[in-house]
C-alpha atoms as a PDB file:
ATOM      1  CA  MET A   1       0.000   0.000   0.000  1.00  0.00           C
ATOM      2  CA  LYS A   2       1.339   3.366  -0.907  1.00  0.00           C
ATOM      3  CA  LYS A   3       1.717   5.583   2.127  1.00  0.00           C
ATOM      4  CA  LEU A   4      -0.681   8.490   2.299  1.00  0.00           C
ATOM      5  CA  PHE A   5       1.289  10.668   4.659  1.00  0.00           C
ATOM      6  CA  LYS A   6       4.540  12.499   5.084  1.00  0.00           C
ATOM      7  CA  SER A   7       6.490  12.972   8.256  1.00  0.00           C
ATOM      8  CA  ALA A   8       5.653  16.292   9.805  1.00  0.00           C
ATOM      9  CA  PRO A   9       8.597  18.706   9.897  1.00  0.00           C
ATOM     10  CA  ILE A  10      10.454  18.784  13.144  1.00  0.00           C
ATOM     11  CA  LYS A  11       9.332  21.792  15.171  1.00  0.00           C
ATOM     12  CA  SER A  12      11.864  24.553  15.513  1.00  0.00           C
ATOM     13  CA  ALA A  13      13.446  24.590  18.950  1.00  0.00           C
ATOM     14  CA  ILE A  14      13.612  28.371  18.900  1.00  0.00           C
ATOM     15  CA  VAL A  15       9.854  28.528  18.412  1.00  0.00           C
ATOM     16  CA  ALA A  16       9.358  26.083  21.254  1.00  0.00           C
ATOM     17  CA  GLY A  17      11.546  28.285  23.426  1.00  0.00           C
ATOM     18  CA  LEU A  18       9.455  31.363  22.697  1.00  0.00           C
ATOM     19  CA  MET A  19       6.208  29.520  23.414  1.00  0.00           C
ATOM     20  CA  LEU A  20       7.045  28.125  26.829  1.00  0.00           C
ATOM     21  CA  GLY A  21       4.007  27.629  28.963  1.00  0.00           C
ATOM     22  CA  SER A  22       1.534  28.109  26.127  1.00  0.00           C
ATOM     23  CA  ALA A  23      -1.147  25.521  25.551  1.00  0.00           C
ATOM     24  CA  ILE A  24      -0.956  23.429  22.400  1.00  0.00           C
ATOM     25  CA  ALA A  25      -4.210  23.558  20.502  1.00  0.00           C
ATOM     26  CA  GLN A  26      -5.221  20.166  19.189  1.00  0.00           C
ATOM     27  CA  PRO A  27      -7.186  20.012  15.919  1.00  0.00           C
ATOM     28  CA  ALA A  28     -10.777  18.884  16.251  1.00  0.00           C
ATOM     29  CA  LEU A  29     -11.608  15.855  14.151  1.00  0.00           C
ATOM     30  CA  ALA A  30     -14.806  15.936  12.162  1.00  0.00           C
ATOM     31  CA  GLN A  31     -16.883  12.813  12.590  1.00  0.00           C
ATOM     32  CA  SER A  32     -18.811  11.044   9.915  1.00  0.00           C
ATOM     33  CA  SER A  33     -22.451  12.075   9.779  1.00  0.00           C
ATOM     34  CA  GLY A  34     -23.594   9.137   7.704  1.00  0.00           C
ATOM     35  CA  GLY A  35     -22.629   6.461   5.248  1.00  0.00           C
ATOM     36  CA  THR A  36     -20.288   6.911   2.319  1.00  0.00           C
ATOM     37  CA  VAL A  37     -21.990   8.858  -0.459  1.00  0.00           C
ATOM     38  CA  VAL A  38     -19.723   7.593  -3.242  1.00  0.00           C
ATOM     39  CA  PRO A  39     -18.936   3.908  -2.568  1.00  0.00           C
ATOM     40  CA  GLY A  40     -15.271   3.269  -1.907  1.00  0.00           C
ATOM     41  CA  LEU A  41     -14.265   6.920  -1.414  1.00  0.00           C
ATOM     42  CA  ALA A  42     -13.201   8.579   1.854  1.00  0.00           C
ATOM     43  CA  VAL A  43     -11.268  11.578   3.160  1.00  0.00           C
ATOM     44  CA  ALA A  44      -8.840  11.592   6.102  1.00  0.00           C
ATOM     45  CA  ASP A  45      -6.887  14.364   7.799  1.00  0.00           C
ATOM     46  CA  ILE A  46      -3.818  12.330   8.745  1.00  0.00           C
ATOM     47  CA  GLU A  47      -2.022  15.072  10.696  1.00  0.00           C
ATOM     48  CA  GLY A  48      -5.182  15.779  12.671  1.00  0.00           C
ATOM     49  CA  VAL A  49      -5.647  12.092  13.374  1.00  0.00           C
ATOM     50  CA  ILE A  50      -2.095  11.706  14.696  1.00  0.00           C
ATOM     51  CA  ALA A  51      -2.462  14.757  16.946  1.00  0.00           C
ATOM     52  CA  SER A  52      -5.719  13.344  18.329  1.00  0.00           C
ATOM     53  CA  THR A  53      -4.393   9.928  19.313  1.00  0.00           C
ATOM     54  CA  SER A  54      -4.203   8.989  22.961  1.00  0.00           C
ATOM     55  CA  ALA A  55      -0.469   8.337  22.605  1.00  0.00           C
ATOM     56  CA  TYR A  56       0.237  11.775  21.134  1.00  0.00           C
ATOM     57  CA  LYS A  57      -1.890  13.699  23.627  1.00  0.00           C
ATOM     58  CA  ALA A  58      -0.442  11.842  26.612  1.00  0.00           C
ATOM     59  CA  ALA A  59       3.090  12.601  25.408  1.00  0.00           C
ATOM     60  CA  GLU A  60       2.255  16.290  24.979  1.00  0.00           C
ATOM     61  CA  GLN A  61       1.046  16.412  28.578  1.00  0.00           C
ATOM     62  CA  GLN A  62       4.028  14.518  29.985  1.00  0.00           C
ATOM     63  CA  ARG A  63       6.796  16.246  28.003  1.00  0.00           C
ATOM     64  CA  PRO A  64       6.823  19.565  29.951  1.00  0.00           C
ATOM     65  CA  VAL A  65       7.289  17.533  33.146  1.00  0.00           C
ATOM     66  CA  THR A  66       9.981  15.197  31.831  1.00  0.00           C
ATOM     67  CA  TYR A  67      11.903  17.981  30.105  1.00  0.00           C
ATOM     68  CA  LYS A  68      11.250  20.735  32.643  1.00  0.00           C
ATOM     69  CA  ALA A  69      14.981  21.382  33.087  1.00  0.00           C
ATOM     70  CA  GLN A  70      15.422  22.034  29.364  1.00  0.00           C
ATOM     71  CA  TYR A  71      12.368  24.296  29.201  1.00  0.00           C
ATOM     72  CA  ASP A  72      13.510  26.283  32.231  1.00  0.00           C
ATOM     73  CA  GLN A  73      17.055  26.621  30.910  1.00  0.00           C
ATOM     74  CA  ALA A  74      15.807  27.769  27.512  1.00  0.00           C
ATOM     75  CA  GLU A  75      13.469  30.326  29.049  1.00  0.00           C
ATOM     76  CA  ALA A  76      16.222  31.721  31.268  1.00  0.00           C
ATOM     77  CA  ARG A  77      18.591  31.999  28.300  1.00  0.00           C
ATOM     78  CA  ARG A  78      15.882  33.637  26.190  1.00  0.00           C
ATOM     79  CA  LEU A  79      15.369  36.319  28.823  1.00  0.00           C
ATOM     80  CA  GLN A  80      19.124  36.919  28.979  1.00  0.00           C
ATOM     81  CA  LEU A  81      19.298  37.305  25.221  1.00  0.00           C
ATOM     82  CA  ASN A  82      16.422  39.770  25.217  1.00  0.00           C
ATOM     83  CA  ALA A  83      18.178  41.779  27.903  1.00  0.00           C
ATOM     84  CA  GLN A  84      21.340  41.865  25.784  1.00  0.00           C
ATOM     85  CA  LEU A  85      19.520  42.767  22.581  1.00  0.00           C
ATOM     86  CA  LYS A  86      17.288  45.550  23.884  1.00  0.00           C
ATOM     87  CA  PRO A  87      19.972  48.192  24.572  1.00  0.00           C
ATOM     88  CA  LEU A  88      21.631  47.407  21.244  1.00  0.00           C
ATOM     89  CA  ALA A  89      18.331  47.760  19.413  1.00  0.00           C
ATOM     90  CA  ASP A  90      17.519  50.989  21.265  1.00  0.00           C
ATOM     91  CA  LYS A  91      20.898  52.467  20.336  1.00  0.00           C
ATOM     92  CA  LEU A  92      20.489  51.461  16.713  1.00  0.00           C
ATOM     93  CA  SER A  93      17.061  53.076  16.607  1.00  0.00           C
ATOM     94  CA  ALA A  94      18.345  56.300  18.182  1.00  0.00           C
ATOM     95  CA  ASP A  95      21.424  56.520  15.948  1.00  0.00           C
ATOM     96  CA  SER A  96      19.365  55.926  12.815  1.00  0.00           C
ATOM     97  CA  LYS A  97      17.210  58.965  13.664  1.00  0.00           C
ATOM     98  CA  LEU A  98      20.132  61.393  13.825  1.00  0.00           C
ATOM     99  CA  ALA A  99      20.249  64.192  11.247  1.00  0.00           C
ATOM    100  CA  ASN A 100      23.339  62.702   9.623  1.00  0.00           C
ATOM    101  CA  PRO A 101      23.604  59.076  10.778  1.00  0.00           C
ATOM    102  CA  ASN A 102      26.884  57.264  10.334  1.00  0.00           C
ATOM    103  CA  GLN A 103      25.944  54.546   7.866  1.00  0.00           C
ATOM    104  CA  ALA A 104      29.060  52.509   8.514  1.00  0.00           C
ATOM    105  CA  SER A 105      28.345  52.531  12.236  1.00  0.00           C
ATOM    106  CA  LEU A 106      24.707  51.563  11.646  1.00  0.00           C
ATOM    107  CA  GLN A 107      25.755  48.628   9.514  1.00  0.00           C
ATOM    108  CA  GLN A 108      28.158  47.456  12.204  1.00  0.00           C
ATOM    109  CA  GLN A 109      25.410  47.667  14.824  1.00  0.00           C
ATOM    110  CA  VAL A 110      23.014  45.709  12.622  1.00  0.00           C
ATOM    111  CA  ALA A 111      25.662  43.040  12.062  1.00  0.00           C
ATOM    112  CA  GLN A 112      26.309  42.837  15.809  1.00  0.00           C
ATOM    113  CA  ILE A 113      22.618  42.410  16.576  1.00  0.00           C
ATOM    114  CA  GLN A 114      22.163  39.787  13.877  1.00  0.00           C
ATOM    115  CA  GLN A 115      25.184  37.856  15.100  1.00  0.00           C
ATOM    116  CA  LEU A 116      23.884  37.879  18.666  1.00  0.00           C
ATOM    117  CA  GLN A 117      20.455  36.745  17.489  1.00  0.00           C
ATOM    118  CA  GLN A 118      21.932  33.880  15.470  1.00  0.00           C
ATOM    119  CA  THR A 119      24.182  32.793  18.322  1.00  0.00           C
ATOM    120  CA  GLY A 120      21.250  32.888  20.713  1.00  0.00           C
ATOM    121  CA  GLN A 121      19.058  30.873  18.383  1.00  0.00           C
ATOM    122  CA  ASN A 122      21.758  28.223  18.054  1.00  0.00           C
ATOM    123  CA  GLU A 123      22.061  28.041  21.837  1.00  0.00           C
ATOM    124  CA  LEU A 124      18.306  27.626  22.260  1.00  0.00           C
ATOM    125  CA  ASN A 125      18.240  24.972  19.560  1.00  0.00           C
ATOM    126  CA  THR A 126      20.921  23.024  21.409  1.00  0.00           C
ATOM    127  CA  ILE A 127      19.183  23.348  24.764  1.00  0.00           C
ATOM    128  CA  LEU A 128      15.821  22.236  23.374  1.00  0.00           C
ATOM    129  CA  ARG A 129      17.105  19.511  21.057  1.00  0.00           C
ATOM    130  CA  PRO A 130      16.034  16.745  23.492  1.00  0.00           C
ATOM    131  CA  VAL A 131      12.512  18.191  23.460  1.00  0.00           C
ATOM    132  CA  VAL A 132      12.386  18.361  19.666  1.00  0.00           C
ATOM    133  CA  TYR A 133      13.738  14.820  19.380  1.00  0.00           C
ATOM    134  CA  SER A 134      11.107  13.616  21.836  1.00  0.00           C
ATOM    135  CA  GLN A 135       8.385  15.159  19.680  1.00  0.00           C
ATOM    136  CA  ALA A 136       9.750  13.500  16.558  1.00  0.00           C
ATOM    137  CA  PHE A 137      10.223  10.170  18.377  1.00  0.00           C
ATOM    138  CA  VAL A 138       6.613  10.020  19.522  1.00  0.00           C
ATOM    139  CA  GLN A 139       5.302  10.992  16.106  1.00  0.00           C
ATOM    140  CA  GLU A 140       7.401   8.328  14.365  1.00  0.00           C
ATOM    141  CA  GLN A 141       6.077   5.634  16.692  1.00  0.00           C
ATOM    142  CA  ILE A 142       2.538   6.594  15.730  1.00  0.00           C
ATOM    143  CA  GLU A 143       3.381   6.891  12.033  1.00  0.00           C
ATOM    144  CA  ASN A 144       4.874   3.401  12.117  1.00  0.00           C
ATOM    145  CA  GLN A 145       1.385   2.067  12.910  1.00  0.00           C
ATOM    146  CA  LEU A 146      -0.470   4.464  10.602  1.00  0.00           C
ATOM    147  CA  GLU A 147      -0.477   2.392   7.438  1.00  0.00           C
ATOM    148  CA  GLN A 148      -1.884  -0.624   9.250  1.00  0.00           C
ATOM    149  CA  ALA A 149      -4.541   1.542  10.931  1.00  0.00           C
ATOM    150  CA  ILE A 150      -5.594   3.025   7.582  1.00  0.00           C
ATOM    151  CA  LYS A 151      -5.818  -0.430   6.001  1.00  0.00           C
ATOM    152  CA  LYS A 152      -7.995  -1.733   8.830  1.00  0.00           C
ATOM    153  CA  ALA A 153     -10.280   1.299   8.724  1.00  0.00           C
ATOM    154  CA  MET A 154     -10.609   1.019   4.941  1.00  0.00           C
ATOM    155  CA  THR A 155     -11.433  -2.679   5.146  1.00  0.00           C
ATOM    156  CA  LYS A 156     -14.134  -2.166   7.766  1.00  0.00           C
ATOM    157  CA  LYS A 157     -15.739   0.685   5.837  1.00  0.00           C
ATOM    158  CA  ARG A 158     -15.172  -0.938   2.429  1.00  0.00           C
ATOM    159  CA  ILE A 159     -13.061   1.977   1.244  1.00  0.00           C
ATOM    160  CA  THR A 160     -10.770   1.658  -1.771  1.00  0.00           C
ATOM    161  CA  LEU A 161      -9.493   5.251  -2.011  1.00  0.00           C
ATOM    162  CA  VAL A 162      -8.571   7.699   0.757  1.00  0.00           C
ATOM    163  CA  LEU A 163      -7.882  11.330  -0.117  1.00  0.00           C
ATOM    164  CA  ASN A 164      -6.298  14.164   1.832  1.00  0.00           C
ATOM    165  CA  PRO A 165      -8.782  17.015   2.419  1.00  0.00           C
ATOM    166  CA  GLU A 166      -6.371  19.370   0.633  1.00  0.00           C
ATOM    167  CA  ALA A 167      -6.967  17.404  -2.573  1.00  0.00           C
ATOM    168  CA  LEU A 168     -10.640  18.407  -2.591  1.00  0.00           C
ATOM    169  CA  ILE A 169     -12.231  21.689  -3.528  1.00  0.00           C
ATOM    170  CA  ALA A 170     -15.329  21.237  -1.383  1.00  0.00           C
ATOM    171  CA  VAL A 171     -17.271  18.587   0.512  1.00  0.00           C
ATOM    172  CA  THR A 172     -20.916  19.105   1.382  1.00  0.00           C
ATOM    173  CA  ASP A 173     -20.856  17.123   4.631  1.00  0.00           C
ATOM    174  CA  ASN A 174     -18.786  14.658   6.658  1.00  0.00           C
ATOM    175  CA  ALA A 175     -20.175  11.535   5.009  1.00  0.00           C
ATOM    176  CA  TYR A 176     -16.773  10.794   3.472  1.00  0.00           C
ATOM    177  CA  ASN A 177     -14.834  11.313   6.691  1.00  0.00           C
ATOM    178  CA  LEU A 178     -12.662   8.395   7.845  1.00  0.00           C
ATOM    179  CA  ASN A 179     -10.856  10.248  10.645  1.00  0.00           C
ATOM    180  CA  MET A 180     -12.518   8.596  13.616  1.00  0.00           C
ATOM    181  CA  GLU A 181     -12.187   5.103  12.182  1.00  0.00           C
ATOM    182  CA  ILE A 182      -8.441   5.575  11.651  1.00  0.00           C
ATOM    183  CA  LEU A 183      -8.087   7.179  15.084  1.00  0.00           C
ATOM    184  CA  ASN A 184      -9.810   4.264  16.780  1.00  0.00           C
ATOM    185  CA  GLU A 185      -7.499   1.801  15.044  1.00  0.00           C
ATOM    186  CA  LEU A 186      -4.404   3.798  15.996  1.00  0.00           C
ATOM    187  CA  ASP A 187      -5.457   3.962  19.640  1.00  0.00           C
ATOM    188  CA  LEU A 188      -5.713   0.173  19.636  1.00  0.00           C
ATOM    189  CA  LEU A 189      -2.405  -0.370  17.832  1.00  0.00           C
ATOM    190  CA  ILE A 190      -0.424   2.136  19.924  1.00  0.00           C
ATOM    191  CA  PRO A 191      -2.290   3.141  23.103  1.00  0.00           C
ATOM    192  CA  ALA A 192       0.872   4.790  24.468  1.00  0.00           C
ATOM    193  CA  ALA A 193       4.237   5.895  23.109  1.00  0.00           C
ATOM    194  CA  GLN A 194       7.693   6.081  24.631  1.00  0.00           C
ATOM    195  CA  LEU A 195       8.512   9.702  25.371  1.00  0.00           C
ATOM    196  CA  THR A 196      12.311   9.612  25.495  1.00  0.00           C
ATOM    197  CA  PRO A 197      14.280   8.257  22.520  1.00  0.00           C
ATOM    198  CA  PRO A 198      17.474   6.192  22.850  1.00  0.00           C
ATOM    199  CA  SER A 199      20.642   8.243  23.255  1.00  0.00           C
ATOM    200  CA  ASP A 200      21.823   7.483  19.706  1.00  0.00           C
ATOM    201  CA  TRP A 201      18.444   8.023  18.047  1.00  0.00           C
ATOM    202  CA  GLU A 202      17.911  10.692  15.383  1.00  0.00           C
ATOM    203  CA  PRO A 203      14.709  11.821  13.632  1.00  0.00           C
ATOM    204  CA  ARG A 204      13.821  10.239  10.312  1.00  0.00           C
ATOM    205  CA  GLN A 205      14.613  13.386   8.336  1.00  0.00           C
ATOM    206  CA  ILE A 206      18.164  13.421   9.695  1.00  0.00           C
ATOM    207  CA  ARG A 207      18.629   9.692   9.149  1.00  0.00           C
ATOM    208  CA  GLU A 208      17.426   9.959   5.558  1.00  0.00           C
ATOM    209  CA  ALA A 209      19.668  12.954   4.873  1.00  0.00           C
ATOM    210  CA  LYS A 210      22.688  11.079   6.233  1.00  0.00           C
ATOM    211  CA  ALA A 211      21.821   7.995   4.190  1.00  0.00           C
ATOM    212  CA  GLN A 212      21.554  10.105   1.054  1.00  0.00           C
ATOM    213  CA  GLN A 213      24.925  11.732   1.727  1.00  0.00           C
ATOM    214  CA  ALA A 214      26.476   8.336   2.353  1.00  0.00           C
ATOM    215  CA  ALA A 215      25.004   6.978  -0.876  1.00  0.00           C
ATOM    216  CA  GLN A 216      26.359   9.916  -2.841  1.00  0.00           C
ATOM    217  CA  SER A 217      29.816   9.482  -1.347  1.00  0.00           C
ATOM    218  CA  GLY A 218      29.779   5.716  -1.791  1.00  0.00           C
ATOM    219  CA  ALA A 219      30.164   5.105   1.937  1.00  0.00           C
ATOM    220  CA  GLN A 220      28.235   2.423   3.787  1.00  0.00           C
ATOM    221  CA  PRO A 221      25.529   4.167   5.891  1.00  0.00           C
ATOM    222  CA  ALA A 222      25.248   3.251   9.542  1.00  0.00           C
ATOM    223  CA  ALA A 223      22.229   1.203  10.535  1.00  0.00           C
ATOM    224  CA  PRO A 224      19.568   3.572  11.895  1.00  0.00           C
ATOM    225  CA  ALA A 225      18.412   3.206  15.473  1.00  0.00           C
ATOM    226  CA  ALA A 226      15.033   1.553  15.563  1.00  0.00           C
ATOM    227  CA  THR A 227      12.067   3.565  16.719  1.00  0.00           C
ATOM    228  CA  ALA A 228      10.956   1.749  19.808  1.00  0.00           C
ATOM    229  CA  GLY A 229       7.440   1.672  21.038  1.00  0.00           C
ATOM    230  CA  PRO A 230       4.594  -0.562  22.130  1.00  0.00           C
ATOM    231  CA  GLN A 231       4.071  -3.631  20.011  1.00  0.00           C
ATOM    232  CA  PRO A 232       0.884  -3.629  17.904  1.00  0.00           C
ATOM    233  CA  THR A 233      -2.011  -5.438  19.513  1.00  0.00           C
ATOM    234  CA  GLY A 234      -4.350  -7.514  17.443  1.00  0.00           C
ATOM    235  CA  ARG A 235      -8.043  -6.904  17.448  1.00  0.00           C
END
């Protein structure tokens, strides 16, 4: 079966650092209001389904507790960076308003601010890397069961074609919606996910990029660390 999903991009650690303490809004899944209008056809919001699984939601609730030290360190560093940047930004603003501003000096100030911002972003990325890897690890565990969940949902509903909502111009109702069926199957296959990846684990995007580089250079790529997680349970 051809996969109907792509791995979601890894969230930026700098964004996570700037959103500390904010609630994560989960997408609401539309439920089917009736039978399939066109036999064999259904629509599924795969990203919404993943974010609505019990495993995903439990991990989102547990992560701020498990990685509290990283969140606190990132927030403290972010405040320090803001304190460093503010006087520089204020000076740049004041100097730029002079009758005859020194353009060379302004350019140097801009470069200094940009360098500090880039350095700070790199620091936050490093601090929050364990958090970002945890997010990717949980999502991969769910994605590893996704194809099987889709197949089971399609078999039960006698579906032969599942489309992404983005592929449609308009749908009059939720009769084609397969979200809840896929969600139910995923919750059975992976009721919970491991939150913390192995020490040598890397997200799929990084593993694939390294494998591609190794293939291009003719080197033998290292075997990727397996994504651990609960074993699928039969129904």
